[in-house]
Amino acid sequence: GGTGHADRCVLEPYREAAERVGWRARTRWRAAGALWVMPTVVGHNFLRCGSSARRRWPDKGALVAVFNLADLFEIVVDTVPENVALVAGEVRLTYAELEAVSNRLADYLRGQGIGAGDHVGLQLYNGHEYFVAALAAYKLRAVPININYRYVAEEVRYVLLDAGTEAVVYHKRFAPVVREAIDNLTTLKCLIEVDDDSDVASIPGALNYETALSQASHRD
């Protein structure tokens, strides 16, 4: 309880950037991982978060918005777009580039019927595709579900069934496991396969990750 330092955070450096972009259409997709953001009409605190902020309705006259992880990421994008955001092997992406590719994947997933509250399974090695897929899910208010790449088909199937997963993004080398796991699984709307130069056969109906990006648009 209380309103001490551990119970709130103030991100004053982002105040101007957030006021410029935070109240625009960027909030239209948000839900998962949300923070209550309560800029006061009088005063200098921009972002207050913590248990005290979550359990008390804002005072009369306060402005209220809900930001999730994608919103906070986009504030940084608008502030330092050319800074390097991600390095994975030889891949280096700036905040602007990471924003663009995650927007494309989010647009494709939305076109396949993925939206708020839906679950997107990720059976991927650690790499830029994992971060892009998770960020794309947050942009749709969907929920990314991590699937350990060491899981056998029975374990993957349990996760997919338990979460009611509607989409799966996976590295191609896991195709045999995923194919067995999704047998007769009726909740799936799409499969996205990330090429990794493995020589296993693709799952019928799965779409290549790069193809999905090329078919989508870069929507803000």
C-alpha atoms as a PDB file:
ATOM      1  CA  GLY A   1       0.000   0.000   0.000  1.00  0.00           C
ATOM      2  CA  GLY A   2       0.918   3.647   0.205  1.00  0.00           C
ATOM      3  CA  THR A   3       2.198   5.984  -2.441  1.00  0.00           C
ATOM      4  CA  GLY A   4       5.966   5.710  -1.862  1.00  0.00           C
ATOM      5  CA  HIS A   5       8.657   5.526  -4.510  1.00  0.00           C
ATOM      6  CA  ALA A   6       8.202   1.782  -5.007  1.00  0.00           C
ATOM      7  CA  ASP A   7       4.493   2.292  -5.639  1.00  0.00           C
ATOM      8  CA  ARG A   8       4.716   4.729  -8.531  1.00  0.00           C
ATOM      9  CA  CYS A   9       6.946   5.658 -11.423  1.00  0.00           C
ATOM     10  CA  VAL A  10       7.358   8.990 -13.149  1.00  0.00           C
ATOM     11  CA  LEU A  11       8.610   9.039 -16.730  1.00  0.00           C
ATOM     12  CA  GLU A  12       9.002  12.750 -17.180  1.00  0.00           C
ATOM     13  CA  PRO A  13      11.426  12.443 -20.142  1.00  0.00           C
ATOM     14  CA  TYR A  14       8.624  10.846 -22.172  1.00  0.00           C
ATOM     15  CA  ARG A  15       5.989  13.411 -21.199  1.00  0.00           C
ATOM     16  CA  GLU A  16       6.296  15.599 -24.287  1.00  0.00           C
ATOM     17  CA  ALA A  17       6.531  12.679 -26.705  1.00  0.00           C
ATOM     18  CA  ALA A  18       3.592  10.902 -25.116  1.00  0.00           C
ATOM     19  CA  GLU A  19       1.448  14.023 -25.158  1.00  0.00           C
ATOM     20  CA  ARG A  20       2.237  14.347 -28.851  1.00  0.00           C
ATOM     21  CA  VAL A  21       1.377  10.767 -29.824  1.00  0.00           C
ATOM     22  CA  GLY A  22      -0.261   9.081 -26.861  1.00  0.00           C
ATOM     23  CA  TRP A  23      -3.753  10.427 -27.323  1.00  0.00           C
ATOM     24  CA  ARG A  24      -3.893   9.680 -31.050  1.00  0.00           C
ATOM     25  CA  ALA A  25      -5.110   6.499 -32.717  1.00  0.00           C
ATOM     26  CA  ARG A  26      -2.160   4.527 -31.317  1.00  0.00           C
ATOM     27  CA  THR A  27      -4.367   3.440 -28.404  1.00  0.00           C
ATOM     28  CA  ARG A  28      -6.961   1.800 -30.646  1.00  0.00           C
ATOM     29  CA  TRP A  29      -5.600  -1.760 -30.475  1.00  0.00           C
ATOM     30  CA  ARG A  30      -4.563  -1.962 -26.857  1.00  0.00           C
ATOM     31  CA  ALA A  31      -5.391  -4.213 -23.926  1.00  0.00           C
ATOM     32  CA  ALA A  32      -2.850  -6.908 -23.090  1.00  0.00           C
ATOM     33  CA  GLY A  33      -0.218  -5.841 -20.581  1.00  0.00           C
ATOM     34  CA  ALA A  34      -1.949  -2.516 -20.020  1.00  0.00           C
ATOM     35  CA  LEU A  35      -0.970   0.273 -17.655  1.00  0.00           C
ATOM     36  CA  TRP A  36      -3.324   2.943 -16.407  1.00  0.00           C
ATOM     37  CA  VAL A  37      -1.869   6.283 -17.400  1.00  0.00           C
ATOM     38  CA  MET A  38      -3.245   9.303 -15.530  1.00  0.00           C
ATOM     39  CA  PRO A  39      -1.754  12.643 -16.521  1.00  0.00           C
ATOM     40  CA  THR A  40      -3.068  15.208 -14.091  1.00  0.00           C
ATOM     41  CA  VAL A  41      -4.615  18.467 -15.220  1.00  0.00           C
ATOM     42  CA  VAL A  42      -2.409  20.345 -12.764  1.00  0.00           C
ATOM     43  CA  GLY A  43       1.104  19.182 -11.953  1.00  0.00           C
ATOM     44  CA  HIS A  44       4.081  17.630 -13.668  1.00  0.00           C
ATOM     45  CA  ASN A  45       3.744  13.891 -13.160  1.00  0.00           C
ATOM     46  CA  PHE A  46       3.034  12.226 -16.485  1.00  0.00           C
ATOM     47  CA  LEU A  47       2.960   8.504 -15.772  1.00  0.00           C
ATOM     48  CA  ARG A  48       1.885   7.143 -12.423  1.00  0.00           C
ATOM     49  CA  CYS A  49       1.661   3.423 -12.046  1.00  0.00           C
ATOM     50  CA  GLY A  50       1.557   0.927  -9.232  1.00  0.00           C
ATOM     51  CA  SER A  51      -0.974  -0.620  -6.885  1.00  0.00           C
ATOM     52  CA  SER A  52      -2.306   2.706  -5.639  1.00  0.00           C
ATOM     53  CA  ALA A  53      -2.947   3.932  -9.178  1.00  0.00           C
ATOM     54  CA  ARG A  54      -4.602   0.694 -10.270  1.00  0.00           C
ATOM     55  CA  ARG A  55      -7.068   0.386  -7.451  1.00  0.00           C
ATOM     56  CA  ARG A  56      -8.235   4.011  -7.287  1.00  0.00           C
ATOM     57  CA  TRP A  57     -10.415   5.590  -9.987  1.00  0.00           C
ATOM     58  CA  PRO A  58      -8.917   8.905 -11.189  1.00  0.00           C
ATOM     59  CA  ASP A  59     -10.045  12.141  -9.642  1.00  0.00           C
ATOM     60  CA  LYS A  60     -12.739  14.084 -11.411  1.00  0.00           C
ATOM     61  CA  GLY A  61     -11.277  16.064 -14.292  1.00  0.00           C
ATOM     62  CA  ALA A  62      -8.269  13.801 -14.832  1.00  0.00           C
ATOM     63  CA  LEU A  63      -7.408  12.528 -18.296  1.00  0.00           C
ATOM     64  CA  VAL A  64      -7.301   8.750 -18.562  1.00  0.00           C
ATOM     65  CA  ALA A  65      -5.695   6.504 -21.185  1.00  0.00           C
ATOM     66  CA  VAL A  66      -4.635   2.877 -21.232  1.00  0.00           C
ATOM     67  CA  PHE A  67      -1.184   2.029 -22.561  1.00  0.00           C
ATOM     68  CA  ASN A  68       0.145  -1.475 -23.109  1.00  0.00           C
ATOM     69  CA  LEU A  69       3.653  -2.600 -23.997  1.00  0.00           C
ATOM     70  CA  ALA A  70       3.133  -1.725 -27.659  1.00  0.00           C
ATOM     71  CA  ASP A  71       2.091   1.836 -26.743  1.00  0.00           C
ATOM     72  CA  LEU A  72       5.175   2.326 -24.611  1.00  0.00           C
ATOM     73  CA  PHE A  73       7.358   0.919 -27.385  1.00  0.00           C
ATOM     74  CA  GLU A  74       5.780   3.318 -29.895  1.00  0.00           C
ATOM     75  CA  ILE A  75       6.502   6.295 -27.654  1.00  0.00           C
ATOM     76  CA  VAL A  76      10.168   5.334 -27.805  1.00  0.00           C
ATOM     77  CA  VAL A  77       9.904   4.864 -31.589  1.00  0.00           C
ATOM     78  CA  ASP A  78       8.610   8.417 -31.989  1.00  0.00           C
ATOM     79  CA  THR A  79      11.326   9.739 -29.679  1.00  0.00           C
ATOM     80  CA  VAL A  80      14.438   7.952 -31.003  1.00  0.00           C
ATOM     81  CA  PRO A  81      13.431   6.249 -34.287  1.00  0.00           C
ATOM     82  CA  GLU A  82      16.971   5.846 -35.638  1.00  0.00           C
ATOM     83  CA  ASN A  83      18.477   4.315 -32.507  1.00  0.00           C
ATOM     84  CA  VAL A  84      19.305   0.604 -32.677  1.00  0.00           C
ATOM     85  CA  ALA A  85      16.575  -1.345 -30.911  1.00  0.00           C
ATOM     86  CA  LEU A  86      17.511  -4.968 -31.547  1.00  0.00           C
ATOM     87  CA  VAL A  87      20.620  -6.939 -32.449  1.00  0.00           C
ATOM     88  CA  ALA A  88      20.286 -10.653 -33.217  1.00  0.00           C
ATOM     89  CA  GLY A  89      23.302 -12.179 -34.925  1.00  0.00           C
ATOM     90  CA  GLU A  90      23.859 -10.169 -38.094  1.00  0.00           C
ATOM     91  CA  VAL A  91      20.405  -8.563 -37.916  1.00  0.00           C
ATOM     92  CA  ARG A  92      20.306  -4.996 -36.587  1.00  0.00           C
ATOM     93  CA  LEU A  93      16.984  -3.136 -36.470  1.00  0.00           C
ATOM     94  CA  THR A  94      16.348   0.452 -35.473  1.00  0.00           C
ATOM     95  CA  TYR A  95      13.232   1.337 -33.508  1.00  0.00           C
ATOM     96  CA  ALA A  96      11.631   2.617 -36.717  1.00  0.00           C
ATOM     97  CA  GLU A  97      12.477  -0.595 -38.605  1.00  0.00           C
ATOM     98  CA  LEU A  98      11.238  -2.803 -35.775  1.00  0.00           C
ATOM     99  CA  GLU A  99       8.033  -0.773 -35.665  1.00  0.00           C
ATOM    100  CA  ALA A 100       7.536  -1.177 -39.411  1.00  0.00           C
ATOM    101  CA  VAL A 101       8.036  -4.945 -39.505  1.00  0.00           C
ATOM    102  CA  SER A 102       5.892  -5.604 -36.426  1.00  0.00           C
ATOM    103  CA  ASN A 103       3.136  -3.439 -37.915  1.00  0.00           C
ATOM    104  CA  ARG A 104       3.251  -5.546 -41.078  1.00  0.00           C
ATOM    105  CA  LEU A 105       2.939  -8.792 -39.161  1.00  0.00           C
ATOM    106  CA  ALA A 106       0.137  -7.352 -37.025  1.00  0.00           C
ATOM    107  CA  ASP A 107      -1.675  -6.288 -40.203  1.00  0.00           C
ATOM    108  CA  TYR A 108      -1.369  -9.789 -41.657  1.00  0.00           C
ATOM    109  CA  LEU A 109      -2.576 -11.441 -38.459  1.00  0.00           C
ATOM    110  CA  ARG A 110      -5.523  -9.066 -38.273  1.00  0.00           C
ATOM    111  CA  GLY A 111      -6.425 -10.001 -41.829  1.00  0.00           C
ATOM    112  CA  GLN A 112      -6.536 -13.654 -40.724  1.00  0.00           C
ATOM    113  CA  GLY A 113      -9.029 -12.819 -37.997  1.00  0.00           C
ATOM    114  CA  ILE A 114      -6.638 -12.421 -35.055  1.00  0.00           C
ATOM    115  CA  GLY A 115      -7.719  -9.700 -32.655  1.00  0.00           C
ATOM    116  CA  ALA A 116      -8.189  -8.645 -29.063  1.00  0.00           C
ATOM    117  CA  GLY A 117      -7.952 -11.498 -26.578  1.00  0.00           C
ATOM    118  CA  ASP A 118      -6.818 -14.089 -29.138  1.00  0.00           C
ATOM    119  CA  HIS A 119      -3.786 -16.240 -28.351  1.00  0.00           C
ATOM    120  CA  VAL A 120      -0.782 -16.451 -30.697  1.00  0.00           C
ATOM    121  CA  GLY A 121       1.594 -19.353 -30.103  1.00  0.00           C
ATOM    122  CA  LEU A 122       5.326 -18.740 -30.614  1.00  0.00           C
ATOM    123  CA  GLN A 123       7.553 -21.773 -31.061  1.00  0.00           C
ATOM    124  CA  LEU A 124      10.704 -19.944 -32.082  1.00  0.00           C
ATOM    125  CA  TYR A 125      14.351 -19.758 -31.223  1.00  0.00           C
ATOM    126  CA  ASN A 126      15.507 -16.539 -29.601  1.00  0.00           C
ATOM    127  CA  GLY A 127      15.870 -14.090 -32.462  1.00  0.00           C
ATOM    128  CA  HIS A 128      14.363 -11.019 -34.038  1.00  0.00           C
ATOM    129  CA  GLU A 129      11.351 -12.955 -35.360  1.00  0.00           C
ATOM    130  CA  TYR A 130      10.314 -13.811 -31.798  1.00  0.00           C
ATOM    131  CA  PHE A 131      10.365 -10.182 -30.705  1.00  0.00           C
ATOM    132  CA  VAL A 132       8.549  -9.066 -33.878  1.00  0.00           C
ATOM    133  CA  ALA A 133       5.815 -11.674 -33.412  1.00  0.00           C
ATOM    134  CA  ALA A 134       5.279 -10.837 -29.730  1.00  0.00           C
ATOM    135  CA  LEU A 135       5.132  -7.109 -30.474  1.00  0.00           C
ATOM    136  CA  ALA A 136       2.705  -7.717 -33.344  1.00  0.00           C
ATOM    137  CA  ALA A 137       0.425  -9.622 -30.975  1.00  0.00           C
ATOM    138  CA  TYR A 138       0.484  -6.786 -28.426  1.00  0.00           C
ATOM    139  CA  LYS A 139      -0.441  -4.314 -31.178  1.00  0.00           C
ATOM    140  CA  LEU A 140      -3.610  -6.358 -31.800  1.00  0.00           C
ATOM    141  CA  ARG A 141      -4.407  -6.700 -28.091  1.00  0.00           C
ATOM    142  CA  ALA A 142      -3.730 -10.406 -28.621  1.00  0.00           C
ATOM    143  CA  VAL A 143      -1.676 -12.522 -26.226  1.00  0.00           C
ATOM    144  CA  PRO A 144       1.634 -14.109 -27.277  1.00  0.00           C
ATOM    145  CA  ILE A 145       2.041 -17.625 -25.864  1.00  0.00           C
ATOM    146  CA  ASN A 146       5.586 -18.915 -25.552  1.00  0.00           C
ATOM    147  CA  ILE A 147       6.023 -22.562 -26.571  1.00  0.00           C
ATOM    148  CA  ASN A 148       9.319 -24.105 -25.519  1.00  0.00           C
ATOM    149  CA  TYR A 149      11.167 -25.252 -28.634  1.00  0.00           C
ATOM    150  CA  ARG A 150      12.206 -28.425 -26.813  1.00  0.00           C
ATOM    151  CA  TYR A 151       8.597 -29.579 -26.406  1.00  0.00           C
ATOM    152  CA  VAL A 152       7.475 -32.751 -28.137  1.00  0.00           C
ATOM    153  CA  ALA A 153       4.199 -32.842 -30.061  1.00  0.00           C
ATOM    154  CA  GLU A 154       2.095 -33.960 -27.092  1.00  0.00           C
ATOM    155  CA  GLU A 155       3.347 -31.067 -24.978  1.00  0.00           C
ATOM    156  CA  VAL A 156       2.851 -28.534 -27.778  1.00  0.00           C
ATOM    157  CA  ARG A 157      -0.673 -29.810 -28.328  1.00  0.00           C
ATOM    158  CA  TYR A 158      -1.455 -29.423 -24.629  1.00  0.00           C
ATOM    159  CA  VAL A 159      -0.320 -25.778 -24.689  1.00  0.00           C
ATOM    160  CA  LEU A 160      -2.300 -25.029 -27.860  1.00  0.00           C
ATOM    161  CA  LEU A 161      -5.462 -26.631 -26.499  1.00  0.00           C
ATOM    162  CA  ASP A 162      -5.130 -25.125 -23.041  1.00  0.00           C
ATOM    163  CA  ALA A 163      -4.644 -21.623 -24.455  1.00  0.00           C
ATOM    164  CA  GLY A 164      -7.205 -21.956 -27.227  1.00  0.00           C
ATOM    165  CA  THR A 165      -4.521 -20.787 -29.653  1.00  0.00           C
ATOM    166  CA  GLU A 166      -5.713 -19.180 -32.893  1.00  0.00           C
ATOM    167  CA  ALA A 167      -2.336 -18.708 -34.626  1.00  0.00           C
ATOM    168  CA  VAL A 168       1.125 -20.234 -34.408  1.00  0.00           C
ATOM    169  CA  VAL A 169       4.421 -18.708 -35.537  1.00  0.00           C
ATOM    170  CA  TYR A 170       7.204 -21.308 -35.614  1.00  0.00           C
ATOM    171  CA  HIS A 171      10.632 -22.019 -37.058  1.00  0.00           C
ATOM    172  CA  LYS A 172      10.484 -24.444 -39.962  1.00  0.00           C
ATOM    173  CA  ARG A 173      12.621 -27.081 -38.232  1.00  0.00           C
ATOM    174  CA  PHE A 174       9.739 -27.518 -35.742  1.00  0.00           C
ATOM    175  CA  ALA A 175       7.230 -28.250 -38.522  1.00  0.00           C
ATOM    176  CA  PRO A 176       7.058 -32.027 -37.845  1.00  0.00           C
ATOM    177  CA  VAL A 177       6.220 -31.389 -34.168  1.00  0.00           C
ATOM    178  CA  VAL A 178       3.734 -28.618 -34.950  1.00  0.00           C
ATOM    179  CA  ARG A 179       2.069 -30.690 -37.691  1.00  0.00           C
ATOM    180  CA  GLU A 180       1.408 -33.527 -35.249  1.00  0.00           C
ATOM    181  CA  ALA A 181       0.340 -31.149 -32.474  1.00  0.00           C
ATOM    182  CA  ILE A 182      -2.305 -29.336 -34.563  1.00  0.00           C
ATOM    183  CA  ASP A 183      -3.952 -32.466 -35.956  1.00  0.00           C
ATOM    184  CA  ASN A 184      -7.732 -31.904 -35.759  1.00  0.00           C
ATOM    185  CA  LEU A 185      -7.205 -28.661 -33.835  1.00  0.00           C
ATOM    186  CA  THR A 186     -10.211 -26.544 -34.813  1.00  0.00           C
ATOM    187  CA  THR A 187      -9.286 -23.222 -33.211  1.00  0.00           C
ATOM    188  CA  LEU A 188      -6.377 -22.378 -35.545  1.00  0.00           C
ATOM    189  CA  LYS A 189      -6.855 -19.556 -38.039  1.00  0.00           C
ATOM    190  CA  CYS A 190      -3.335 -19.344 -39.435  1.00  0.00           C
ATOM    191  CA  LEU A 191       0.176 -20.795 -39.351  1.00  0.00           C
ATOM    192  CA  ILE A 192       3.262 -18.698 -40.074  1.00  0.00           C
ATOM    193  CA  GLU A 193       6.497 -20.533 -40.789  1.00  0.00           C
ATOM    194  CA  VAL A 194       9.887 -18.850 -40.314  1.00  0.00           C
ATOM    195  CA  ASP A 195      12.461 -20.265 -42.723  1.00  0.00           C
ATOM    196  CA  ASP A 196      15.654 -21.487 -41.050  1.00  0.00           C
ATOM    197  CA  ASP A 197      17.296 -23.406 -43.939  1.00  0.00           C
ATOM    198  CA  SER A 198      16.234 -26.734 -42.491  1.00  0.00           C
ATOM    199  CA  ASP A 199      15.347 -29.457 -44.990  1.00  0.00           C
ATOM    200  CA  VAL A 200      12.056 -30.544 -43.392  1.00  0.00           C
ATOM    201  CA  ALA A 201       8.798 -30.259 -45.317  1.00  0.00           C
ATOM    202  CA  SER A 202       6.532 -27.285 -44.680  1.00  0.00           C
ATOM    203  CA  ILE A 203       3.103 -27.786 -43.159  1.00  0.00           C
ATOM    204  CA  PRO A 204       0.367 -27.628 -45.836  1.00  0.00           C
ATOM    205  CA  GLY A 205      -1.467 -24.324 -45.540  1.00  0.00           C
ATOM    206  CA  ALA A 206       1.295 -22.586 -43.573  1.00  0.00           C
ATOM    207  CA  LEU A 207       2.522 -19.266 -44.933  1.00  0.00           C
ATOM    208  CA  ASN A 208       6.162 -18.263 -45.055  1.00  0.00           C
ATOM    209  CA  TYR A 209       7.007 -15.458 -42.610  1.00  0.00           C
ATOM    210  CA  GLU A 210       8.562 -13.207 -45.273  1.00  0.00           C
ATOM    211  CA  THR A 211       5.591 -13.794 -47.569  1.00  0.00           C
ATOM    212  CA  ALA A 212       3.214 -12.787 -44.783  1.00  0.00           C
ATOM    213  CA  LEU A 213       5.164  -9.553 -44.315  1.00  0.00           C
ATOM    214  CA  SER A 214       5.121  -8.831 -48.049  1.00  0.00           C
ATOM    215  CA  GLN A 215       1.338  -9.314 -48.224  1.00  0.00           C
ATOM    216  CA  ALA A 216       0.666  -6.914 -45.361  1.00  0.00           C
ATOM    217  CA  SER A 217       0.811  -3.140 -45.144  1.00  0.00           C
ATOM    218  CA  HIS A 218       2.786  -0.898 -42.788  1.00  0.00           C
ATOM    219  CA  ARG A 219      -0.082   0.565 -40.788  1.00  0.00           C
ATOM    220  CA  ASP A 220       0.523   2.968 -37.907  1.00  0.00           C
END
